[in-house]
PDB file of all heavy atoms in Angstrom:
ATOM      1  N   SER A   1      83.000  -6.949 -39.767  1.00  0.00           N
ATOM      2  CA  SER A   1      83.043  -8.384 -39.511  1.00  0.00           C
ATOM      3  C   SER A   1      84.480  -8.845 -39.391  1.00  0.00           C
ATOM      4  O   SER A   1      85.374  -8.339 -40.066  1.00  0.00           O
ATOM      5  CB  SER A   1      82.345  -9.146 -40.637  1.00  0.00           C
ATOM      6  OG  SER A   1      82.462 -10.540 -40.455  1.00  0.00           O
ATOM      7  N   SER A   2      84.691  -9.834 -38.504  1.00  0.00           N
ATOM      8  CA  SER A   2      86.005 -10.451 -38.356  1.00  0.00           C
ATOM      9  C   SER A   2      86.084 -11.785 -39.076  1.00  0.00           C
ATOM     10  O   SER A   2      87.155 -12.388 -39.154  1.00  0.00           O
ATOM     11  CB  SER A   2      86.322 -10.650 -36.866  1.00  0.00           C
ATOM     12  OG  SER A   2      85.327 -11.471 -36.257  1.00  0.00           O
ATOM     13  N   ASP A   3      84.946 -12.249 -39.604  1.00  0.00           N
ATOM     14  CA  ASP A   3      84.885 -13.508 -40.343  1.00  0.00           C
ATOM     15  C   ASP A   3      85.499 -13.297 -41.725  1.00  0.00           C
ATOM     16  O   ASP A   3      85.022 -12.461 -42.509  1.00  0.00           O
ATOM     17  CB  ASP A   3      83.440 -13.972 -40.451  1.00  0.00           C
ATOM     18  CG  ASP A   3      83.318 -15.339 -41.107  1.00  0.00           C
ATOM     19  OD1 ASP A   3      83.705 -15.443 -42.292  1.00  0.00           O
ATOM     20  OD2 ASP A   3      82.825 -16.278 -40.459  1.00  0.00           O
ATOM     21  N   GLU A   4      86.558 -14.042 -42.043  1.00  0.00           N
ATOM     22  CA  GLU A   4      87.281 -13.825 -43.296  1.00  0.00           C
ATOM     23  C   GLU A   4      86.398 -14.062 -44.519  1.00  0.00           C
ATOM     24  O   GLU A   4      86.461 -13.326 -45.507  1.00  0.00           O
ATOM     25  CB  GLU A   4      88.508 -14.732 -43.361  1.00  0.00           C
ATOM     26  CG  GLU A   4      89.623 -14.317 -42.417  1.00  0.00           C
ATOM     27  CD  GLU A   4      90.117 -12.909 -42.708  1.00  0.00           C
ATOM     28  OE1 GLU A   4      90.241 -12.543 -43.896  1.00  0.00           O
ATOM     29  OE2 GLU A   4      90.365 -12.156 -41.749  1.00  0.00           O
ATOM     30  N   VAL A   5      85.557 -15.125 -44.469  1.00  0.00           N
ATOM     31  CA  VAL A   5      84.682 -15.415 -45.606  1.00  0.00           C
ATOM     32  C   VAL A   5      83.649 -14.311 -45.781  1.00  0.00           C
ATOM     33  O   VAL A   5      83.387 -13.846 -46.898  1.00  0.00           O
ATOM     34  CB  VAL A   5      83.992 -16.782 -45.416  1.00  0.00           C
ATOM     35  CG1 VAL A   5      82.999 -17.030 -46.549  1.00  0.00           C
ATOM     36  CG2 VAL A   5      85.017 -17.895 -45.357  1.00  0.00           C
ATOM     37  N   GLU A   6      83.060 -13.863 -44.669  1.00  0.00           N
ATOM     38  CA  GLU A   6      82.062 -12.793 -44.760  1.00  0.00           C
ATOM     39  C   GLU A   6      82.693 -11.500 -45.245  1.00  0.00           C
ATOM     40  O   GLU A   6      82.079 -10.744 -46.013  1.00  0.00           O
ATOM     41  CB  GLU A   6      81.395 -12.580 -43.399  1.00  0.00           C
ATOM     42  CG  GLU A   6      80.241 -11.573 -43.465  1.00  0.00           C
ATOM     43  CD  GLU A   6      79.534 -11.401 -42.138  1.00  0.00           C
ATOM     44  OE1 GLU A   6      80.002 -11.951 -41.124  1.00  0.00           O
ATOM     45  OE2 GLU A   6      78.502 -10.701 -42.114  1.00  0.00           O
ATOM     46  N   LYS A   7      83.930 -11.228 -44.830  1.00  0.00           N
ATOM     47  CA  LYS A   7      84.610 -10.007 -45.284  1.00  0.00           C
ATOM     48  C   LYS A   7      84.798 -10.011 -46.797  1.00  0.00           C
ATOM     49  O   LYS A   7      84.657  -8.976 -47.458  1.00  0.00           O
ATOM     50  CB  LYS A   7      85.967  -9.878 -44.573  1.00  0.00           C
ATOM     51  CG  LYS A   7      85.851  -9.474 -43.111  1.00  0.00           C
ATOM     52  CD  LYS A   7      87.170  -9.611 -42.377  1.00  0.00           C
ATOM     53  CE  LYS A   7      88.209  -8.652 -42.848  1.00  0.00           C
ATOM     54  NZ  LYS A   7      89.454  -8.733 -42.034  1.00  0.00           N
ATOM     55  N   ILE A   8      85.106 -11.189 -47.358  1.00  0.00           N
ATOM     56  CA  ILE A   8      85.227 -11.278 -48.820  1.00  0.00           C
ATOM     57  C   ILE A   8      83.878 -10.986 -49.478  1.00  0.00           C
ATOM     58  O   ILE A   8      83.797 -10.271 -50.477  1.00  0.00           O
ATOM     59  CB  ILE A   8      85.742 -12.672 -49.225  1.00  0.00           C
ATOM     60  CG1 ILE A   8      87.174 -12.872 -48.728  1.00  0.00           C
ATOM     61  CG2 ILE A   8      85.671 -12.860 -50.742  1.00  0.00           C
ATOM     62  CD1 ILE A   8      87.704 -14.277 -48.921  1.00  0.00           C
ATOM     63  N   GLY A   9      82.803 -11.553 -48.908  1.00  0.00           N
ATOM     64  CA  GLY A   9      81.464 -11.291 -49.445  1.00  0.00           C
ATOM     65  C   GLY A   9      81.099  -9.824 -49.376  1.00  0.00           C
ATOM     66  O   GLY A   9      80.497  -9.274 -50.316  1.00  0.00           O
ATOM     67  N   ILE A  10      81.456  -9.157 -48.280  1.00  0.00           N
ATOM     68  CA  ILE A  10      81.160  -7.727 -48.131  1.00  0.00           C
ATOM     69  C   ILE A  10      81.957  -6.912 -49.150  1.00  0.00           C
ATOM     70  O   ILE A  10      81.442  -5.960 -49.752  1.00  0.00           O
ATOM     71  CB  ILE A  10      81.462  -7.278 -46.685  1.00  0.00           C
ATOM     72  CG1 ILE A  10      80.458  -7.919 -45.716  1.00  0.00           C
ATOM     73  CG2 ILE A  10      81.400  -5.755 -46.567  1.00  0.00           C
ATOM     74  CD1 ILE A  10      80.801  -7.721 -44.247  1.00  0.00           C
ATOM     75  N   ALA A  11      83.221  -7.291 -49.370  1.00  0.00           N
ATOM     76  CA  ALA A  11      84.039  -6.591 -50.380  1.00  0.00           C
ATOM     77  C   ALA A  11      83.421  -6.736 -51.769  1.00  0.00           C
ATOM     78  O   ALA A  11      83.381  -5.770 -52.558  1.00  0.00           O
ATOM     79  CB  ALA A  11      85.459  -7.146 -50.370  1.00  0.00           C
ATOM     80  N   ARG A  12      82.912  -7.915 -52.075  1.00  0.00           N
ATOM     81  CA  ARG A  12      82.250  -8.120 -53.367  1.00  0.00           C
ATOM     82  C   ARG A  12      80.953  -7.334 -53.456  1.00  0.00           C
ATOM     83  O   ARG A  12      80.552  -6.900 -54.543  1.00  0.00           O
ATOM     84  CB  ARG A  12      82.006  -9.610 -53.588  1.00  0.00           C
ATOM     85  CG  ARG A  12      83.288 -10.404 -53.805  1.00  0.00           C
ATOM     86  CD  ARG A  12      83.014 -11.876 -54.051  1.00  0.00           C
ATOM     87  NE  ARG A  12      84.259 -12.607 -54.299  1.00  0.00           N
ATOM     88  CZ  ARG A  12      84.327 -13.900 -54.551  1.00  0.00           C
ATOM     89  NH1 ARG A  12      83.213 -14.639 -54.569  1.00  0.00           N
ATOM     90  NH2 ARG A  12      85.493 -14.478 -54.769  1.00  0.00           N
ATOM     91  N   ALA A  13      80.290  -7.173 -52.322  1.00  0.00           N
ATOM     92  CA  ALA A  13      79.068  -6.365 -52.310  1.00  0.00           C
ATOM     93  C   ALA A  13      79.380  -4.924 -52.699  1.00  0.00           C
ATOM     94  O   ALA A  13      78.669  -4.314 -53.509  1.00  0.00           O
ATOM     95  CB  ALA A  13      78.421  -6.416 -50.926  1.00  0.00           C
ATOM     96  N   TRP A  14      80.467  -4.380 -52.150  1.00  0.00           N
ATOM     97  CA  TRP A  14      80.842  -3.003 -52.501  1.00  0.00           C
ATOM     98  C   TRP A  14      81.256  -2.902 -53.968  1.00  0.00           C
ATOM     99  O   TRP A  14      80.965  -1.899 -54.641  1.00  0.00           O
ATOM    100  CB  TRP A  14      81.973  -2.519 -51.596  1.00  0.00           C
ATOM    101  CG  TRP A  14      81.514  -2.142 -50.217  1.00  0.00           C
ATOM    102  CD1 TRP A  14      81.823  -2.758 -49.045  1.00  0.00           C
ATOM    103  CD2 TRP A  14      80.634  -1.064 -49.887  1.00  0.00           C
ATOM    104  NE1 TRP A  14      81.198  -2.137 -47.994  1.00  0.00           N
ATOM    105  CE2 TRP A  14      80.465  -1.084 -48.481  1.00  0.00           C
ATOM    106  CE3 TRP A  14      79.979  -0.085 -50.623  1.00  0.00           C
ATOM    107  CZ2 TRP A  14      79.660  -0.167 -47.814  1.00  0.00           C
ATOM    108  CZ3 TRP A  14      79.175   0.834 -49.965  1.00  0.00           C
ATOM    109  CH2 TRP A  14      79.023   0.789 -48.573  1.00  0.00           C
ATOM    110  N   GLU A  15      81.910  -3.932 -54.491  1.00  0.00           N
ATOM    111  CA  GLU A  15      82.258  -3.932 -55.919  1.00  0.00           C
ATOM    112  C   GLU A  15      81.001  -3.908 -56.782  1.00  0.00           C
ATOM    113  O   GLU A  15      80.946  -3.200 -57.795  1.00  0.00           O
ATOM    114  CB  GLU A  15      83.095  -5.177 -56.250  1.00  0.00           C
ATOM    115  CG  GLU A  15      84.488  -5.168 -55.645  1.00  0.00           C
ATOM    116  CD  GLU A  15      85.209  -6.492 -55.857  1.00  0.00           C
ATOM    117  OE1 GLU A  15      84.605  -7.411 -56.484  1.00  0.00           O
ATOM    118  OE2 GLU A  15      86.360  -6.619 -55.413  1.00  0.00           O
ATOM    119  N   ALA A  16      79.988  -4.689 -56.383  1.00  0.00           N
ATOM    120  CA  ALA A  16      78.733  -4.711 -57.137  1.00  0.00           C
ATOM    121  C   ALA A  16      78.038  -3.356 -57.067  1.00  0.00           C
ATOM    122  O   ALA A  16      77.480  -2.877 -58.066  1.00  0.00           O
ATOM    123  CB  ALA A  16      77.820  -5.799 -56.584  1.00  0.00           C
ATOM    124  N   ILE A  17      78.089  -2.719 -55.893  1.00  0.00           N
ATOM    125  CA  ILE A  17      77.459  -1.401 -55.733  1.00  0.00           C
ATOM    126  C   ILE A  17      78.104  -0.380 -56.667  1.00  0.00           C
ATOM    127  O   ILE A  17      77.422   0.439 -57.294  1.00  0.00           O
ATOM    128  CB  ILE A  17      77.556  -0.952 -54.259  1.00  0.00           C
ATOM    129  CG1 ILE A  17      76.630  -1.807 -53.388  1.00  0.00           C
ATOM    130  CG2 ILE A  17      77.202   0.529 -54.110  1.00  0.00           C
ATOM    131  CD1 ILE A  17      76.826  -1.612 -51.895  1.00  0.00           C
ATOM    132  N   GLU A  18      79.422  -0.439 -56.790  1.00  0.00           N
ATOM    133  CA  GLU A  18      80.135   0.517 -57.642  1.00  0.00           C
ATOM    134  C   GLU A  18      79.779   0.349 -59.115  1.00  0.00           C
ATOM    135  O   GLU A  18      79.878   1.302 -59.894  1.00  0.00           O
ATOM    136  CB  GLU A  18      81.639   0.358 -57.446  1.00  0.00           C
ATOM    137  CG  GLU A  18      82.132   0.818 -56.076  1.00  0.00           C
ATOM    138  CD  GLU A  18      83.606   0.565 -55.889  1.00  0.00           C
ATOM    139  OE1 GLU A  18      84.177  -0.195 -56.703  1.00  0.00           O
ATOM    140  OE2 GLU A  18      84.202   1.122 -54.947  1.00  0.00           O
ATOM    141  N   ARG A  19      79.362  -0.874 -59.516  1.00  0.00           N
ATOM    142  CA  ARG A  19      79.031  -1.123 -60.925  1.00  0.00           C
ATOM    143  C   ARG A  19      77.526  -1.030 -61.203  1.00  0.00           C
ATOM    144  O   ARG A  19      77.097  -1.281 -62.322  1.00  0.00           O
ATOM    145  CB  ARG A  19      79.542  -2.508 -61.342  1.00  0.00           C
ATOM    146  CG  ARG A  19      81.048  -2.625 -61.363  1.00  0.00           C
ATOM    147  CD  ARG A  19      81.474  -3.899 -62.086  1.00  0.00           C
ATOM    148  NE  ARG A  19      81.043  -5.084 -61.354  1.00  0.00           N
ATOM    149  CZ  ARG A  19      81.787  -5.719 -60.462  1.00  0.00           C
ATOM    150  NH1 ARG A  19      82.993  -5.261 -60.172  1.00  0.00           N
ATOM    151  NH2 ARG A  19      81.339  -6.804 -59.859  1.00  0.00           N
ATOM    152  N   ALA A  20      76.741  -0.672 -60.214  1.00  0.00           N
ATOM    153  CA  ALA A  20      75.280  -0.680 -60.350  1.00  0.00           C
ATOM    154  C   ALA A  20      74.775   0.482 -61.196  1.00  0.00           C
ATOM    155  O   ALA A  20      75.384   1.554 -61.256  1.00  0.00           O
ATOM    156  CB  ALA A  20      74.632  -0.628 -58.966  1.00  0.00           C
ATOM    157  N   ASP A  21      73.647   0.238 -61.861  1.00  0.00           N
ATOM    158  CA  ASP A  21      72.910   1.329 -62.503  1.00  0.00           C
ATOM    159  C   ASP A  21      71.913   1.941 -61.524  1.00  0.00           C
ATOM    160  O   ASP A  21      71.593   3.121 -61.618  1.00  0.00           O
ATOM    161  CB  ASP A  21      72.156   0.800 -63.729  1.00  0.00           C
ATOM    162  CG  ASP A  21      73.089   0.273 -64.805  1.00  0.00           C
ATOM    163  OD1 ASP A  21      74.082   0.954 -65.095  1.00  0.00           O
ATOM    164  OD2 ASP A  21      72.835  -0.817 -65.340  1.00  0.00           O
ATOM    165  N   VAL A  22      71.416   1.116 -60.609  1.00  0.00           N
ATOM    166  CA  VAL A  22      70.497   1.551 -59.562  1.00  0.00           C
ATOM    167  C   VAL A  22      70.836   0.754 -58.305  1.00  0.00           C
ATOM    168  O   VAL A  22      71.109  -0.444 -58.378  1.00  0.00           O
ATOM    169  CB  VAL A  22      69.013   1.300 -59.939  1.00  0.00           C
ATOM    170  CG1 VAL A  22      68.088   1.761 -58.809  1.00  0.00           C
ATOM    171  CG2 VAL A  22      68.655   1.992 -61.239  1.00  0.00           C
ATOM    172  N   VAL A  23      70.802   1.407 -57.158  1.00  0.00           N
ATOM    173  CA  VAL A  23      71.001   0.727 -55.881  1.00  0.00           C
ATOM    174  C   VAL A  23      69.704   0.779 -55.086  1.00  0.00           C
ATOM    175  O   VAL A  23      69.125   1.859 -54.904  1.00  0.00           O
ATOM    176  CB  VAL A  23      72.141   1.373 -55.065  1.00  0.00           C
ATOM    177  CG1 VAL A  23      72.219   0.747 -53.669  1.00  0.00           C
ATOM    178  CG2 VAL A  23      73.465   1.216 -55.779  1.00  0.00           C
ATOM    179  N   LEU A  24      69.243  -0.386 -54.659  1.00  0.00           N
ATOM    180  CA  LEU A  24      68.119  -0.451 -53.725  1.00  0.00           C
ATOM    181  C   LEU A  24      68.703  -0.558 -52.324  1.00  0.00           C
ATOM    182  O   LEU A  24      69.258  -1.598 -51.951  1.00  0.00           O
ATOM    183  CB  LEU A  24      67.230  -1.669 -54.021  1.00  0.00           C
ATOM    184  CG  LEU A  24      66.516  -1.720 -55.373  1.00  0.00           C
ATOM    185  CD1 LEU A  24      65.630  -2.964 -55.452  1.00  0.00           C
ATOM    186  CD2 LEU A  24      65.692  -0.467 -55.603  1.00  0.00           C
ATOM    187  N   PHE A  25      68.611   0.523 -51.560  1.00  0.00           N
ATOM    188  CA  PHE A  25      69.122   0.523 -50.184  1.00  0.00           C
ATOM    189  C   PHE A  25      67.992   0.024 -49.293  1.00  0.00           C
ATOM    190  O   PHE A  25      67.022   0.730 -49.035  1.00  0.00           O
ATOM    191  CB  PHE A  25      69.565   1.930 -49.792  1.00  0.00           C
ATOM    192  CG  PHE A  25      70.277   2.011 -48.473  1.00  0.00           C
ATOM    193  CD1 PHE A  25      70.564   0.873 -47.723  1.00  0.00           C
ATOM    194  CD2 PHE A  25      70.677   3.238 -47.962  1.00  0.00           C
ATOM    195  CE1 PHE A  25      71.223   0.943 -46.517  1.00  0.00           C
ATOM    196  CE2 PHE A  25      71.348   3.326 -46.757  1.00  0.00           C
ATOM    197  CZ  PHE A  25      71.616   2.175 -46.028  1.00  0.00           C
ATOM    198  N   LEU A  26      68.139  -1.224 -48.848  1.00  0.00           N
ATOM    199  CA  LEU A  26      67.058  -1.876 -48.113  1.00  0.00           C
ATOM    200  C   LEU A  26      67.199  -1.641 -46.609  1.00  0.00           C
ATOM    201  O   LEU A  26      68.264  -1.893 -46.033  1.00  0.00           O
ATOM    202  CB  LEU A  26      67.056  -3.379 -48.417  1.00  0.00           C
ATOM    203  CG  LEU A  26      65.768  -4.132 -48.078  1.00  0.00           C
ATOM    204  CD1 LEU A  26      64.613  -3.615 -48.922  1.00  0.00           C
ATOM    205  CD2 LEU A  26      65.949  -5.630 -48.319  1.00  0.00           C
ATOM    206  N   HIS A  27      66.106  -1.174 -46.002  1.00  0.00           N
ATOM    207  CA  HIS A  27      66.057  -0.930 -44.566  1.00  0.00           C
ATOM    208  C   HIS A  27      65.037  -1.875 -43.928  1.00  0.00           C
ATOM    209  O   HIS A  27      64.096  -2.324 -44.572  1.00  0.00           O
ATOM    210  CB  HIS A  27      65.647   0.520 -44.267  1.00  0.00           C
ATOM    211  CG  HIS A  27      66.410   1.543 -45.047  1.00  0.00           C
ATOM    212  ND1 HIS A  27      67.628   2.038 -44.656  1.00  0.00           N
ATOM    213  CD2 HIS A  27      66.111   2.178 -46.220  1.00  0.00           C
ATOM    214  CE1 HIS A  27      68.054   2.929 -45.533  1.00  0.00           C
ATOM    215  NE2 HIS A  27      67.154   3.034 -46.498  1.00  0.00           N
ATOM    216  N   ASP A  28      65.229  -2.119 -42.632  1.00  0.00           N
ATOM    217  CA  ASP A  28      64.310  -2.961 -41.859  1.00  0.00           C
ATOM    218  C   ASP A  28      63.331  -2.059 -41.125  1.00  0.00           C
ATOM    219  O   ASP A  28      63.708  -1.331 -40.189  1.00  0.00           O
ATOM    220  CB  ASP A  28      65.113  -3.814 -40.872  1.00  0.00           C
ATOM    221  CG  ASP A  28      64.244  -4.829 -40.136  1.00  0.00           C
ATOM    222  OD1 ASP A  28      63.007  -4.658 -40.134  1.00  0.00           O
ATOM    223  OD2 ASP A  28      64.803  -5.778 -39.563  1.00  0.00           O
ATOM    224  N   LEU A  29      62.079  -2.092 -41.547  1.00  0.00           N
ATOM    225  CA  LEU A  29      61.071  -1.198 -40.969  1.00  0.00           C
ATOM    226  C   LEU A  29      60.808  -1.509 -39.495  1.00  0.00           C
ATOM    227  O   LEU A  29      60.399  -0.624 -38.732  1.00  0.00           O
ATOM    228  CB  LEU A  29      59.771  -1.310 -41.770  1.00  0.00           C
ATOM    229  CG  LEU A  29      58.738  -0.178 -41.624  1.00  0.00           C
ATOM    230  CD1 LEU A  29      59.364   1.176 -41.931  1.00  0.00           C
ATOM    231  CD2 LEU A  29      57.551  -0.426 -42.546  1.00  0.00           C
ATOM    232  N   THR A  30      61.054  -2.739 -39.087  1.00  0.00           N
ATOM    233  CA  THR A  30      60.822  -3.089 -37.680  1.00  0.00           C
ATOM    234  C   THR A  30      61.881  -2.482 -36.762  1.00  0.00           C
ATOM    235  O   THR A  30      61.711  -2.480 -35.539  1.00  0.00           O
ATOM    236  CB  THR A  30      60.821  -4.622 -37.493  1.00  0.00           C
ATOM    237  OG1 THR A  30      62.116  -5.142 -37.798  1.00  0.00           O
ATOM    238  CG2 THR A  30      59.779  -5.283 -38.382  1.00  0.00           C
ATOM    239  N   ARG A  31      62.961  -1.989 -37.323  1.00  0.00           N
ATOM    240  CA  ARG A  31      64.027  -1.390 -36.516  1.00  0.00           C
ATOM    241  C   ARG A  31      64.176   0.099 -36.799  1.00  0.00           C
ATOM    242  O   ARG A  31      65.248   0.687 -36.599  1.00  0.00           O
ATOM    243  CB  ARG A  31      65.348  -2.111 -36.794  1.00  0.00           C
ATOM    244  CG  ARG A  31      65.368  -3.551 -36.278  1.00  0.00           C
ATOM    245  CD  ARG A  31      66.734  -4.190 -36.472  1.00  0.00           C
ATOM    246  NE  ARG A  31      66.888  -4.736 -37.821  1.00  0.00           N
ATOM    247  CZ  ARG A  31      68.002  -5.292 -38.270  1.00  0.00           C
ATOM    248  NH1 ARG A  31      69.081  -5.347 -37.496  1.00  0.00           N
ATOM    249  NH2 ARG A  31      68.066  -5.785 -39.498  1.00  0.00           N
ATOM    250  N   ILE A  32      63.090   0.716 -37.260  1.00  0.00           N
ATOM    251  CA  ILE A  32      63.147   2.118 -37.656  1.00  0.00           C
ATOM    252  C   ILE A  32      63.426   3.040 -36.475  1.00  0.00           C
ATOM    253  O   ILE A  32      63.938   4.154 -36.636  1.00  0.00           O
ATOM    254  CB  ILE A  32      61.829   2.535 -38.371  1.00  0.00           C
ATOM    255  CG1 ILE A  32      62.006   3.914 -39.035  1.00  0.00           C
ATOM    256  CG2 ILE A  32      60.648   2.528 -37.399  1.00  0.00           C
ATOM    257  CD1 ILE A  32      60.845   4.300 -39.923  1.00  0.00           C
ATOM    258  N   ASN A  33      63.104   2.586 -35.253  1.00  0.00           N
ATOM    259  CA  ASN A  33      63.319   3.420 -34.069  1.00  0.00           C
ATOM    260  C   ASN A  33      64.545   2.989 -33.261  1.00  0.00           C
ATOM    261  O   ASN A  33      64.796   3.529 -32.185  1.00  0.00           O
ATOM    262  CB  ASN A  33      62.077   3.384 -33.170  1.00  0.00           C
ATOM    263  CG  ASN A  33      60.872   4.022 -33.858  1.00  0.00           C
ATOM    264  OD1 ASN A  33      60.998   5.070 -34.482  1.00  0.00           O
ATOM    265  ND2 ASN A  33      59.710   3.400 -33.736  1.00  0.00           N
ATOM    266  N   ALA A  34      65.285   2.003 -33.779  1.00  0.00           N
ATOM    267  CA  ALA A  34      66.484   1.554 -33.078  1.00  0.00           C
ATOM    268  C   ALA A  34      67.647   2.483 -33.419  1.00  0.00           C
ATOM    269  O   ALA A  34      68.047   2.589 -34.581  1.00  0.00           O
ATOM    270  CB  ALA A  34      66.818   0.119 -33.455  1.00  0.00           C
ATOM    271  N   ILE A  35      68.193   3.150 -32.402  1.00  0.00           N
ATOM    272  CA  ILE A  35      69.212   4.179 -32.634  1.00  0.00           C
ATOM    273  C   ILE A  35      70.456   3.594 -33.297  1.00  0.00           C
ATOM    274  O   ILE A  35      70.996   4.158 -34.266  1.00  0.00           O
ATOM    275  CB  ILE A  35      69.584   4.859 -31.302  1.00  0.00           C
ATOM    276  CG1 ILE A  35      68.362   5.611 -30.746  1.00  0.00           C
ATOM    277  CG2 ILE A  35      70.751   5.822 -31.512  1.00  0.00           C
ATOM    278  CD1 ILE A  35      68.604   6.232 -29.387  1.00  0.00           C
ATOM    279  N   ASP A  36      70.932   2.453 -32.780  1.00  0.00           N
ATOM    280  CA  ASP A  36      72.140   1.848 -33.352  1.00  0.00           C
ATOM    281  C   ASP A  36      71.921   1.459 -34.814  1.00  0.00           C
ATOM    282  O   ASP A  36      72.823   1.631 -35.649  1.00  0.00           O
ATOM    283  CB  ASP A  36      72.549   0.614 -32.543  1.00  0.00           C
ATOM    284  CG  ASP A  36      73.044   0.983 -31.150  1.00  0.00           C
ATOM    285  OD1 ASP A  36      73.320   2.178 -30.931  1.00  0.00           O
ATOM    286  OD2 ASP A  36      73.143   0.078 -30.302  1.00  0.00           O
ATOM    287  N   TYR A  37      70.733   0.926 -35.117  1.00  0.00           N
ATOM    288  CA  TYR A  37      70.439   0.490 -36.489  1.00  0.00           C
ATOM    289  C   TYR A  37      70.403   1.691 -37.429  1.00  0.00           C
ATOM    290  O   TYR A  37      70.977   1.649 -38.527  1.00  0.00           O
ATOM    291  CB  TYR A  37      69.101  -0.258 -36.523  1.00  0.00           C
ATOM    292  CG  TYR A  37      68.736  -0.758 -37.906  1.00  0.00           C
ATOM    293  CD1 TYR A  37      69.295  -1.930 -38.410  1.00  0.00           C
ATOM    294  CD2 TYR A  37      67.866  -0.040 -38.723  1.00  0.00           C
ATOM    295  CE1 TYR A  37      68.982  -2.387 -39.679  1.00  0.00           C
ATOM    296  CE2 TYR A  37      67.548  -0.486 -39.997  1.00  0.00           C
ATOM    297  CZ  TYR A  37      68.113  -1.663 -40.470  1.00  0.00           C
ATOM    298  OH  TYR A  37      67.811  -2.096 -41.727  1.00  0.00           O
ATOM    299  N   ILE A  38      69.724   2.759 -37.024  1.00  0.00           N
ATOM    300  CA  ILE A  38      69.619   3.957 -37.865  1.00  0.00           C
ATOM    301  C   ILE A  38      70.991   4.588 -38.070  1.00  0.00           C
ATOM    302  O   ILE A  38      71.323   5.068 -39.166  1.00  0.00           O
ATOM    303  CB  ILE A  38      68.641   4.974 -37.236  1.00  0.00           C
ATOM    304  CG1 ILE A  38      67.226   4.392 -37.219  1.00  0.00           C
ATOM    305  CG2 ILE A  38      68.658   6.285 -38.004  1.00  0.00           C
ATOM    306  CD1 ILE A  38      66.696   4.014 -38.583  1.00  0.00           C
TER     307      ILE A  38
END
């Protein structure tokens, strides 16, 4: 992302992932066959 606010949110997301006890990696089932998405 080039959006400065969104980039801060994404950085915080990675910080939360590093401190997690469990990570739920959520996928979109409607895009299961989309090559770019996968």
